[in-house]
Amino acid sequence: MERPTAKEMLDLIKKLPKSEEHIHICPLYGAHCVTSEFFAGNFAGISFEANSFEEAAEMLIDYMYRHIDHDSLVGNIVAESGFPDLNKVYEYCKRDIYEIYDKFMT
């Protein structure tokens, strides 16, 4: 599977509900932010800040690759989501939040 591009990642996030919470300009100092909360939730999510949304999305992609096969909550979520296949990630993110919670927190 080929590495997703920043544009593909941003397009995926924009298709999800409340995408403006995951792609935004930081109100404090104007950095372009892309968060991982759209797939990892608030507890395990992280924000990537850069000079452009594309740079921040590249940082997110690198982060997700680093967590493939990592024995951690984020590693489990990355594996479960089907990353790097963004079609699978999209389907994963559309699931009901309680289904996700029950799988990882019970």
PDB file of N, CA and C in Angstrom:
ATOM      1  N   MET A   1       0.850  -1.183   0.000  1.00  0.00           N
ATOM      2  CA  MET A   1       0.000   0.000   0.000  1.00  0.00           C
ATOM      3  C   MET A   1       0.893   1.243   0.000  1.00  0.00           C
ATOM      4  N   GLU A   2       0.567   2.184  -0.851  1.00  0.00           N
ATOM      5  CA  GLU A   2       1.341   3.423  -0.925  1.00  0.00           C
ATOM      6  C   GLU A   2       1.042   4.324   0.270  1.00  0.00           C
ATOM      7  N   ARG A   3       2.036   5.138   0.572  1.00  0.00           N
ATOM      8  CA  ARG A   3       1.878   6.110   1.658  1.00  0.00           C
ATOM      9  C   ARG A   3       0.809   7.138   1.266  1.00  0.00           C
ATOM     10  N   PRO A   4      -0.127   7.409   2.178  1.00  0.00           N
ATOM     11  CA  PRO A   4      -1.117   8.450   1.886  1.00  0.00           C
ATOM     12  C   PRO A   4      -0.442   9.813   1.755  1.00  0.00           C
ATOM     13  N   THR A   5      -1.001  10.656   0.938  1.00  0.00           N
ATOM     14  CA  THR A   5      -0.487  12.022   0.805  1.00  0.00           C
ATOM     15  C   THR A   5      -1.167  12.914   1.834  1.00  0.00           C
ATOM     16  N   ALA A   6      -0.573  14.068   2.061  1.00  0.00           N
ATOM     17  CA  ALA A   6      -1.172  15.039   2.982  1.00  0.00           C
ATOM     18  C   ALA A   6      -2.559  15.448   2.490  1.00  0.00           C
ATOM     19  N   LYS A   7      -2.700  15.656   1.194  1.00  0.00           N
ATOM     20  CA  LYS A   7      -3.994  16.048   0.643  1.00  0.00           C
ATOM     21  C   LYS A   7      -5.038  14.962   0.883  1.00  0.00           C
ATOM     22  N   GLU A   8      -4.665  13.708   0.688  1.00  0.00           N
ATOM     23  CA  GLU A   8      -5.605  12.610   0.929  1.00  0.00           C
ATOM     24  C   GLU A   8      -6.026  12.561   2.393  1.00  0.00           C
ATOM     25  N   MET A   9      -5.082  12.756   3.300  1.00  0.00           N
ATOM     26  CA  MET A   9      -5.407  12.755   4.726  1.00  0.00           C
ATOM     27  C   MET A   9      -6.334  13.918   5.064  1.00  0.00           C
ATOM     28  N   LEU A  10      -6.029  15.096   4.557  1.00  0.00           N
ATOM     29  CA  LEU A  10      -6.880  16.255   4.825  1.00  0.00           C
ATOM     30  C   LEU A  10      -8.276  16.044   4.241  1.00  0.00           C
ATOM     31  N   ASP A  11      -8.352  15.475   3.039  1.00  0.00           N
ATOM     32  CA  ASP A  11      -9.654  15.200   2.427  1.00  0.00           C
ATOM     33  C   ASP A  11     -10.459  14.219   3.271  1.00  0.00           C
ATOM     34  N   LEU A  12      -9.798  13.201   3.807  1.00  0.00           N
ATOM     35  CA  LEU A  12     -10.476  12.237   4.672  1.00  0.00           C
ATOM     36  C   LEU A  12     -11.055  12.946   5.899  1.00  0.00           C
ATOM     37  N   ILE A  13     -10.244  13.747   6.557  1.00  0.00           N
ATOM     38  CA  ILE A  13     -10.699  14.439   7.772  1.00  0.00           C
ATOM     39  C   ILE A  13     -11.865  15.367   7.454  1.00  0.00           C
ATOM     40  N   LYS A  14     -11.805  16.053   6.318  1.00  0.00           N
ATOM     41  CA  LYS A  14     -12.866  16.992   5.939  1.00  0.00           C
ATOM     42  C   LYS A  14     -14.200  16.298   5.701  1.00  0.00           C
ATOM     43  N   LYS A  15     -14.187  15.007   5.387  1.00  0.00           N
ATOM     44  CA  LYS A  15     -15.431  14.254   5.170  1.00  0.00           C
ATOM     45  C   LYS A  15     -16.101  13.864   6.489  1.00  0.00           C
ATOM     46  N   LEU A  16     -15.381  13.968   7.586  1.00  0.00           N
ATOM     47  CA  LEU A  16     -15.900  13.524   8.879  1.00  0.00           C
ATOM     48  C   LEU A  16     -16.651  14.651   9.597  1.00  0.00           C
ATOM     49  N   PRO A  17     -17.580  14.294  10.481  1.00  0.00           N
ATOM     50  CA  PRO A  17     -18.279  15.323  11.263  1.00  0.00           C
ATOM     51  C   PRO A  17     -17.282  16.120  12.115  1.00  0.00           C
ATOM     52  N   LYS A  18     -17.578  17.377  12.294  1.00  0.00           N
ATOM     53  CA  LYS A  18     -16.773  18.279  13.127  1.00  0.00           C
ATOM     54  C   LYS A  18     -15.326  18.368  12.669  1.00  0.00           C
ATOM     55  N   SER A  19     -15.121  18.303  11.366  1.00  0.00           N
ATOM     56  CA  SER A  19     -13.744  18.347  10.832  1.00  0.00           C
ATOM     57  C   SER A  19     -13.024  19.637  11.219  1.00  0.00           C
ATOM     58  N   GLU A  20     -13.770  20.703  11.436  1.00  0.00           N
ATOM     59  CA  GLU A  20     -13.147  21.975  11.816  1.00  0.00           C
ATOM     60  C   GLU A  20     -12.445  21.885  13.173  1.00  0.00           C
ATOM     61  N   GLU A  21     -12.771  20.870  13.962  1.00  0.00           N
ATOM     62  CA  GLU A  21     -12.079  20.666  15.229  1.00  0.00           C
ATOM     63  C   GLU A  21     -10.727  19.970  15.033  1.00  0.00           C
ATOM     64  N   HIS A  22     -10.549  19.362  13.872  1.00  0.00           N
ATOM     65  CA  HIS A  22      -9.335  18.589  13.610  1.00  0.00           C
ATOM     66  C   HIS A  22      -8.412  19.238  12.581  1.00  0.00           C
ATOM     67  N   ILE A  23      -8.915  20.256  11.897  1.00  0.00           N
ATOM     68  CA  ILE A  23      -8.119  21.056  10.960  1.00  0.00           C
ATOM     69  C   ILE A  23      -8.473  22.508  11.248  1.00  0.00           C
ATOM     70  N   HIS A  24      -7.542  23.242  11.822  1.00  0.00           N
ATOM     71  CA  HIS A  24      -7.860  24.617  12.202  1.00  0.00           C
ATOM     72  C   HIS A  24      -6.576  25.444  12.379  1.00  0.00           C
ATOM     73  N   ILE A  25      -6.764  26.735  12.452  1.00  0.00           N
ATOM     74  CA  ILE A  25      -5.682  27.667  12.775  1.00  0.00           C
ATOM     75  C   ILE A  25      -5.697  27.869  14.287  1.00  0.00           C
ATOM     76  N   CYS A  26      -4.550  27.710  14.913  1.00  0.00           N
ATOM     77  CA  CYS A  26      -4.455  27.910  16.361  1.00  0.00           C
ATOM     78  C   CYS A  26      -4.777  29.369  16.684  1.00  0.00           C
ATOM     79  N   PRO A  27      -5.756  29.604  17.551  1.00  0.00           N
ATOM     80  CA  PRO A  27      -6.135  30.986  17.859  1.00  0.00           C
ATOM     81  C   PRO A  27      -5.084  31.750  18.657  1.00  0.00           C
ATOM     82  N   LEU A  28      -4.179  31.050  19.303  1.00  0.00           N
ATOM     83  CA  LEU A  28      -3.175  31.730  20.125  1.00  0.00           C
ATOM     84  C   LEU A  28      -2.022  32.300  19.318  1.00  0.00           C
ATOM     85  N   TYR A  29      -1.528  31.548  18.347  1.00  0.00           N
ATOM     86  CA  TYR A  29      -0.353  32.030  17.620  1.00  0.00           C
ATOM     87  C   TYR A  29      -0.370  31.733  16.125  1.00  0.00           C
ATOM     88  N   GLY A  30      -1.514  31.322  15.592  1.00  0.00           N
ATOM     89  CA  GLY A  30      -1.689  31.244  14.153  1.00  0.00           C
ATOM     90  C   GLY A  30      -1.117  30.029  13.442  1.00  0.00           C
ATOM     91  N   ALA A  31      -0.634  29.033  14.154  1.00  0.00           N
ATOM     92  CA  ALA A  31      -0.107  27.825  13.504  1.00  0.00           C
ATOM     93  C   ALA A  31      -1.252  27.041  12.863  1.00  0.00           C
ATOM     94  N   HIS A  32      -0.937  26.323  11.817  1.00  0.00           N
ATOM     95  CA  HIS A  32      -1.891  25.424  11.172  1.00  0.00           C
ATOM     96  C   HIS A  32      -1.872  24.108  11.945  1.00  0.00           C
ATOM     97  N   CYS A  33      -3.018  23.680  12.432  1.00  0.00           N
ATOM     98  CA  CYS A  33      -3.098  22.481  13.275  1.00  0.00           C
ATOM     99  C   CYS A  33      -3.937  21.396  12.613  1.00  0.00           C
ATOM    100  N   VAL A  34      -3.444  20.171  12.735  1.00  0.00           N
ATOM    101  CA  VAL A  34      -4.183  18.975  12.343  1.00  0.00           C
ATOM    102  C   VAL A  34      -4.065  18.017  13.518  1.00  0.00           C
ATOM    103  N   THR A  35      -5.204  17.507  13.989  1.00  0.00           N
ATOM    104  CA  THR A  35      -5.158  16.620  15.147  1.00  0.00           C
ATOM    105  C   THR A  35      -5.423  15.170  14.747  1.00  0.00           C
ATOM    106  N   SER A  36      -5.032  14.271  15.635  1.00  0.00           N
ATOM    107  CA  SER A  36      -5.322  12.851  15.437  1.00  0.00           C
ATOM    108  C   SER A  36      -6.593  12.448  16.176  1.00  0.00           C
ATOM    109  N   GLU A  37      -7.284  13.398  16.770  1.00  0.00           N
ATOM    110  CA  GLU A  37      -8.462  13.088  17.576  1.00  0.00           C
ATOM    111  C   GLU A  37      -9.600  12.502  16.758  1.00  0.00           C
ATOM    112  N   PHE A  38      -9.623  12.713  15.453  1.00  0.00           N
ATOM    113  CA  PHE A  38     -10.694  12.167  14.626  1.00  0.00           C
ATOM    114  C   PHE A  38     -10.693  10.644  14.638  1.00  0.00           C
ATOM    115  N   PHE A  39      -9.536  10.009  14.904  1.00  0.00           N
ATOM    116  CA  PHE A  39      -9.504   8.549  14.972  1.00  0.00           C
ATOM    117  C   PHE A  39      -9.107   8.040  16.351  1.00  0.00           C
ATOM    118  N   ALA A  40      -8.371   8.823  17.123  1.00  0.00           N
ATOM    119  CA  ALA A  40      -7.880   8.353  18.420  1.00  0.00           C
ATOM    120  C   ALA A  40      -8.663   8.907  19.603  1.00  0.00           C
ATOM    121  N   GLY A  41      -9.526   9.874  19.376  1.00  0.00           N
ATOM    122  CA  GLY A  41     -10.304  10.473  20.456  1.00  0.00           C
ATOM    123  C   GLY A  41      -9.500  11.496  21.240  1.00  0.00           C
ATOM    124  N   ASN A  42     -10.161  12.177  22.153  1.00  0.00           N
ATOM    125  CA  ASN A  42      -9.517  13.224  22.945  1.00  0.00           C
ATOM    126  C   ASN A  42      -8.459  12.679  23.887  1.00  0.00           C
ATOM    127  N   PHE A  43      -8.676  11.492  24.421  1.00  0.00           N
ATOM    128  CA  PHE A  43      -7.748  10.929  25.397  1.00  0.00           C
ATOM    129  C   PHE A  43      -6.388  10.621  24.766  1.00  0.00           C
ATOM    130  N   ALA A  44      -6.392  10.023  23.586  1.00  0.00           N
ATOM    131  CA  ALA A  44      -5.144   9.612  22.949  1.00  0.00           C
ATOM    132  C   ALA A  44      -4.739  10.534  21.797  1.00  0.00           C
ATOM    133  N   GLY A  45      -5.548  11.553  21.515  1.00  0.00           N
ATOM    134  CA  GLY A  45      -5.272  12.434  20.388  1.00  0.00           C
ATOM    135  C   GLY A  45      -4.134  13.403  20.658  1.00  0.00           C
ATOM    136  N   ILE A  46      -3.576  13.901  19.570  1.00  0.00           N
ATOM    137  CA  ILE A  46      -2.473  14.858  19.645  1.00  0.00           C
ATOM    138  C   ILE A  46      -2.637  15.855  18.498  1.00  0.00           C
ATOM    139  N   SER A  47      -2.150  17.060  18.687  1.00  0.00           N
ATOM    140  CA  SER A  47      -2.230  18.089  17.657  1.00  0.00           C
ATOM    141  C   SER A  47      -0.850  18.309  17.036  1.00  0.00           C
ATOM    142  N   PHE A  48      -0.831  18.410  15.720  1.00  0.00           N
ATOM    143  CA  PHE A  48       0.410  18.667  14.986  1.00  0.00           C
ATOM    144  C   PHE A  48       0.322  20.072  14.416  1.00  0.00           C
ATOM    145  N   GLU A  49       1.351  20.866  14.674  1.00  0.00           N
ATOM    146  CA  GLU A  49       1.347  22.276  14.287  1.00  0.00           C
ATOM    147  C   GLU A  49       2.485  22.549  13.316  1.00  0.00           C
ATOM    148  N   ALA A  50       2.164  23.303  12.257  1.00  0.00           N
ATOM    149  CA  ALA A  50       3.163  23.600  11.226  1.00  0.00           C
ATOM    150  C   ALA A  50       2.785  24.905  10.527  1.00  0.00           C
ATOM    151  N   ASN A  51       3.551  25.238   9.500  1.00  0.00           N
ATOM    152  CA  ASN A  51       3.300  26.458   8.740  1.00  0.00           C
ATOM    153  C   ASN A  51       2.185  26.302   7.716  1.00  0.00           C
ATOM    154  N   SER A  52       1.767  25.059   7.452  1.00  0.00           N
ATOM    155  CA  SER A  52       0.658  24.800   6.528  1.00  0.00           C
ATOM    156  C   SER A  52      -0.081  23.556   6.997  1.00  0.00           C
ATOM    157  N   PHE A  53      -1.314  23.407   6.547  1.00  0.00           N
ATOM    158  CA  PHE A  53      -2.077  22.213   6.890  1.00  0.00           C
ATOM    159  C   PHE A  53      -1.431  20.962   6.293  1.00  0.00           C
ATOM    160  N   GLU A  54      -0.846  21.109   5.104  1.00  0.00           N
ATOM    161  CA  GLU A  54      -0.197  19.965   4.467  1.00  0.00           C
ATOM    162  C   GLU A  54       0.994  19.481   5.291  1.00  0.00           C
ATOM    163  N   GLU A  55       1.793  20.401   5.812  1.00  0.00           N
ATOM    164  CA  GLU A  55       2.934  20.011   6.658  1.00  0.00           C
ATOM    165  C   GLU A  55       2.449  19.328   7.941  1.00  0.00           C
ATOM    166  N   ALA A  56       1.404  19.868   8.533  1.00  0.00           N
ATOM    167  CA  ALA A  56       0.860  19.265   9.755  1.00  0.00           C
ATOM    168  C   ALA A  56       0.287  17.881   9.459  1.00  0.00           C
ATOM    169  N   ALA A  57      -0.362  17.715   8.311  1.00  0.00           N
ATOM    170  CA  ALA A  57      -0.901  16.403   7.927  1.00  0.00           C
ATOM    171  C   ALA A  57       0.229  15.400   7.703  1.00  0.00           C
ATOM    172  N   GLU A  58       1.339  15.838   7.136  1.00  0.00           N
ATOM    173  CA  GLU A  58       2.506  14.950   6.961  1.00  0.00           C
ATOM    174  C   GLU A  58       3.027  14.492   8.323  1.00  0.00           C
ATOM    175  N   MET A  59       3.031  15.384   9.289  1.00  0.00           N
ATOM    176  CA  MET A  59       3.458  15.017  10.642  1.00  0.00           C
ATOM    177  C   MET A  59       2.520  13.973  11.237  1.00  0.00           C
ATOM    178  N   LEU A  60       1.221  14.133  11.000  1.00  0.00           N
ATOM    179  CA  LEU A  60       0.235  13.159  11.467  1.00  0.00           C
ATOM    180  C   LEU A  60       0.478  11.796  10.811  1.00  0.00           C
ATOM    181  N   ILE A  61       0.712  11.788   9.516  1.00  0.00           N
ATOM    182  CA  ILE A  61       0.962  10.533   8.799  1.00  0.00           C
ATOM    183  C   ILE A  61       2.204   9.851   9.353  1.00  0.00           C
ATOM    184  N   ASP A  62       3.276  10.614   9.562  1.00  0.00           N
ATOM    185  CA  ASP A  62       4.505  10.050  10.154  1.00  0.00           C
ATOM    186  C   ASP A  62       4.205   9.437  11.518  1.00  0.00           C
ATOM    187  N   TYR A  63       3.422  10.142  12.327  1.00  0.00           N
ATOM    188  CA  TYR A  63       3.044   9.676  13.666  1.00  0.00           C
ATOM    189  C   TYR A  63       2.297   8.346  13.579  1.00  0.00           C
ATOM    190  N   MET A  64       1.358   8.268  12.653  1.00  0.00           N
ATOM    191  CA  MET A  64       0.587   7.037  12.503  1.00  0.00           C
ATOM    192  C   MET A  64       1.486   5.880  12.070  1.00  0.00           C
ATOM    193  N   TYR A  65       2.407   6.143  11.150  1.00  0.00           N
ATOM    194  CA  TYR A  65       3.341   5.088  10.744  1.00  0.00           C
ATOM    195  C   TYR A  65       4.205   4.626  11.912  1.00  0.00           C
ATOM    196  N   ARG A  66       4.646   5.558  12.745  1.00  0.00           N
ATOM    197  CA  ARG A  66       5.474   5.180  13.905  1.00  0.00           C
ATOM    198  C   ARG A  66       4.722   4.289  14.880  1.00  0.00           C
ATOM    199  N   HIS A  67       3.411   4.353  14.863  1.00  0.00           N
ATOM    200  CA  HIS A  67       2.617   3.573  15.811  1.00  0.00           C
ATOM    201  C   HIS A  67       2.101   2.249  15.254  1.00  0.00           C
ATOM    202  N   ILE A  68       2.404   1.947  14.007  1.00  0.00           N
ATOM    203  CA  ILE A  68       2.046   0.626  13.478  1.00  0.00           C
ATOM    204  C   ILE A  68       2.834  -0.410  14.277  1.00  0.00           C
ATOM    205  N   ASP A  69       2.130  -1.401  14.797  1.00  0.00           N
ATOM    206  CA  ASP A  69       2.731  -2.475  15.602  1.00  0.00           C
ATOM    207  C   ASP A  69       3.313  -1.995  16.933  1.00  0.00           C
ATOM    208  N   HIS A  70       2.987  -0.790  17.359  1.00  0.00           N
ATOM    209  CA  HIS A  70       3.445  -0.288  18.649  1.00  0.00           C
ATOM    210  C   HIS A  70       2.474  -0.779  19.721  1.00  0.00           C
ATOM    211  N   ASP A  71       2.990  -1.324  20.791  1.00  0.00           N
ATOM    212  CA  ASP A  71       2.155  -1.864  21.860  1.00  0.00           C
ATOM    213  C   ASP A  71       1.685  -0.723  22.765  1.00  0.00           C
ATOM    214  N   SER A  72       0.628  -0.053  22.317  1.00  0.00           N
ATOM    215  CA  SER A  72       0.080   1.083  23.055  1.00  0.00           C
ATOM    216  C   SER A  72      -1.356   1.300  22.607  1.00  0.00           C
ATOM    217  N   LEU A  73      -2.055   2.172  23.308  1.00  0.00           N
ATOM    218  CA  LEU A  73      -3.418   2.506  22.911  1.00  0.00           C
ATOM    219  C   LEU A  73      -3.451   3.038  21.483  1.00  0.00           C
ATOM    220  N   VAL A  74      -2.578   3.980  21.172  1.00  0.00           N
ATOM    221  CA  VAL A  74      -2.550   4.547  19.824  1.00  0.00           C
ATOM    222  C   VAL A  74      -2.156   3.478  18.808  1.00  0.00           C
ATOM    223  N   GLY A  75      -1.190   2.645  19.135  1.00  0.00           N
ATOM    224  CA  GLY A  75      -0.799   1.566  18.236  1.00  0.00           C
ATOM    225  C   GLY A  75      -1.958   0.634  17.932  1.00  0.00           C
ATOM    226  N   ASN A  76      -2.741   0.310  18.959  1.00  0.00           N
ATOM    227  CA  ASN A  76      -3.913  -0.545  18.758  1.00  0.00           C
ATOM    228  C   ASN A  76      -4.944   0.132  17.870  1.00  0.00           C
ATOM    229  N   ILE A  77      -5.149   1.421  18.078  1.00  0.00           N
ATOM    230  CA  ILE A  77      -6.121   2.167  17.270  1.00  0.00           C
ATOM    231  C   ILE A  77      -5.661   2.258  15.826  1.00  0.00           C
ATOM    232  N   VAL A  78      -4.379   2.544  15.605  1.00  0.00           N
ATOM    233  CA  VAL A  78      -3.848   2.615  14.241  1.00  0.00           C
ATOM    234  C   VAL A  78      -4.058   1.273  13.533  1.00  0.00           C
ATOM    235  N   ALA A  79      -3.745   0.182  14.226  1.00  0.00           N
ATOM    236  CA  ALA A  79      -3.918  -1.148  13.627  1.00  0.00           C
ATOM    237  C   ALA A  79      -5.392  -1.426  13.341  1.00  0.00           C
ATOM    238  N   GLU A  80      -6.240  -1.148  14.316  1.00  0.00           N
ATOM    239  CA  GLU A  80      -7.675  -1.399  14.172  1.00  0.00           C
ATOM    240  C   GLU A  80      -8.279  -0.567  13.042  1.00  0.00           C
ATOM    241  N   SER A  81      -7.759   0.639  12.836  1.00  0.00           N
ATOM    242  CA  SER A  81      -8.324   1.539  11.829  1.00  0.00           C
ATOM    243  C   SER A  81      -8.024   1.108  10.398  1.00  0.00           C
ATOM    244  N   GLY A  82      -7.012   0.261  10.215  1.00  0.00           N
ATOM    245  CA  GLY A  82      -6.649  -0.167   8.866  1.00  0.00           C
ATOM    246  C   GLY A  82      -5.638   0.726   8.176  1.00  0.00           C
ATOM    247  N   PHE A  83      -5.080   1.685   8.903  1.00  0.00           N
ATOM    248  CA  PHE A  83      -4.060   2.565   8.328  1.00  0.00           C
ATOM    249  C   PHE A  83      -2.912   1.718   7.797  1.00  0.00           C
ATOM    250  N   PRO A  84      -2.355   2.015   6.635  1.00  0.00           N
ATOM    251  CA  PRO A  84      -2.425   3.248   5.849  1.00  0.00           C
ATOM    252  C   PRO A  84      -3.525   3.313   4.789  1.00  0.00           C
ATOM    253  N   ASP A  85      -4.447   2.353   4.778  1.00  0.00           N
ATOM    254  CA  ASP A  85      -5.556   2.392   3.827  1.00  0.00           C
ATOM    255  C   ASP A  85      -6.581   3.410   4.325  1.00  0.00           C
ATOM    256  N   LEU A  86      -6.619   4.582   3.701  1.00  0.00           N
ATOM    257  CA  LEU A  86      -7.486   5.655   4.187  1.00  0.00           C
ATOM    258  C   LEU A  86      -8.960   5.346   4.003  1.00  0.00           C
ATOM    259  N   ASN A  87      -9.312   4.475   3.072  1.00  0.00           N
ATOM    260  CA  ASN A  87     -10.714   4.062   2.952  1.00  0.00           C
ATOM    261  C   ASN A  87     -11.134   3.293   4.201  1.00  0.00           C
ATOM    262  N   LYS A  88     -10.245   2.437   4.696  1.00  0.00           N
ATOM    263  CA  LYS A  88     -10.534   1.698   5.926  1.00  0.00           C
ATOM    264  C   LYS A  88     -10.560   2.637   7.128  1.00  0.00           C
ATOM    265  N   VAL A  89      -9.657   3.601   7.157  1.00  0.00           N
ATOM    266  CA  VAL A  89      -9.639   4.580   8.254  1.00  0.00           C
ATOM    267  C   VAL A  89     -10.955   5.357   8.265  1.00  0.00           C
ATOM    268  N   TYR A  90     -11.424   5.757   7.096  1.00  0.00           N
ATOM    269  CA  TYR A  90     -12.696   6.481   7.019  1.00  0.00           C
ATOM    270  C   TYR A  90     -13.838   5.633   7.571  1.00  0.00           C
ATOM    271  N   GLU A  91     -13.921   4.377   7.165  1.00  0.00           N
ATOM    272  CA  GLU A  91     -14.974   3.486   7.664  1.00  0.00           C
ATOM    273  C   GLU A  91     -14.851   3.305   9.181  1.00  0.00           C
ATOM    274  N   TYR A  92     -13.624   3.185   9.663  1.00  0.00           N
ATOM    275  CA  TYR A  92     -13.376   3.055  11.105  1.00  0.00           C
ATOM    276  C   TYR A  92     -13.886   4.284  11.848  1.00  0.00           C
ATOM    277  N   CYS A  93     -13.616   5.447  11.317  1.00  0.00           N
ATOM    278  CA  CYS A  93     -13.984   6.697  11.985  1.00  0.00           C
ATOM    279  C   CYS A  93     -15.481   6.961  11.948  1.00  0.00           C
ATOM    280  N   LYS A  94     -16.189   6.339  11.045  1.00  0.00           N
ATOM    281  CA  LYS A  94     -17.637   6.520  10.967  1.00  0.00           C
ATOM    282  C   LYS A  94     -18.369   5.684  12.000  1.00  0.00           C
ATOM    283  N   ARG A  95     -17.673   4.763  12.650  1.00  0.00           N
ATOM    284  CA  ARG A  95     -18.332   3.885  13.617  1.00  0.00           C
ATOM    285  C   ARG A  95     -18.869   4.679  14.804  1.00  0.00           C
ATOM    286  N   ASP A  96     -19.776   4.062  15.490  1.00  0.00           N
ATOM    287  CA  ASP A  96     -20.366   4.650  16.682  1.00  0.00           C
ATOM    288  C   ASP A  96     -19.312   4.775  17.780  1.00  0.00           C
ATOM    289  N   ILE A  97     -19.246   5.912  18.432  1.00  0.00           N
ATOM    290  CA  ILE A  97     -18.233   6.177  19.457  1.00  0.00           C
ATOM    291  C   ILE A  97     -18.308   5.171  20.606  1.00  0.00           C
ATOM    292  N   TYR A  98     -19.496   4.697  20.939  1.00  0.00           N
ATOM    293  CA  TYR A  98     -19.623   3.748  22.050  1.00  0.00           C
ATOM    294  C   TYR A  98     -19.082   2.375  21.682  1.00  0.00           C
ATOM    295  N   GLU A  99     -19.188   2.007  20.404  1.00  0.00           N
ATOM    296  CA  GLU A  99     -18.597   0.757  19.939  1.00  0.00           C
ATOM    297  C   GLU A  99     -17.078   0.806  20.102  1.00  0.00           C
ATOM    298  N   ILE A 100     -16.480   1.923  19.751  1.00  0.00           N
ATOM    299  CA  ILE A 100     -15.035   2.093  19.881  1.00  0.00           C
ATOM    300  C   ILE A 100     -14.647   2.074  21.363  1.00  0.00           C
ATOM    301  N   TYR A 101     -15.385   2.805  22.179  1.00  0.00           N
ATOM    302  CA  TYR A 101     -15.085   2.868  23.623  1.00  0.00           C
ATOM    303  C   TYR A 101     -15.126   1.473  24.234  1.00  0.00           C
ATOM    304  N   ASP A 102     -16.178   0.732  23.929  1.00  0.00           N
ATOM    305  CA  ASP A 102     -16.319  -0.605  24.508  1.00  0.00           C
ATOM    306  C   ASP A 102     -15.175  -1.526  24.110  1.00  0.00           C
ATOM    307  N   LYS A 103     -14.686  -1.412  22.906  1.00  0.00           N
ATOM    308  CA  LYS A 103     -13.613  -2.284  22.424  1.00  0.00           C
ATOM    309  C   LYS A 103     -12.308  -2.031  23.166  1.00  0.00           C
ATOM    310  N   PHE A 104     -11.973  -0.771  23.402  1.00  0.00           N
ATOM    311  CA  PHE A 104     -10.665  -0.455  23.961  1.00  0.00           C
ATOM    312  C   PHE A 104     -10.664  -0.155  25.455  1.00  0.00           C
ATOM    313  N   MET A 105     -11.801   0.121  26.027  1.00  0.00           N
ATOM    314  CA  MET A 105     -11.798   0.564  27.422  1.00  0.00           C
ATOM    315  C   MET A 105     -12.477  -0.406  28.377  1.00  0.00           C
ATOM    316  N   THR A 106     -12.988  -1.518  27.874  1.00  0.00           N
ATOM    317  CA  THR A 106     -13.637  -2.467  28.790  1.00  0.00           C
ATOM    318  C   THR A 106     -12.851  -3.765  28.844  1.00  0.00           C
TER     319      THR A 106
END
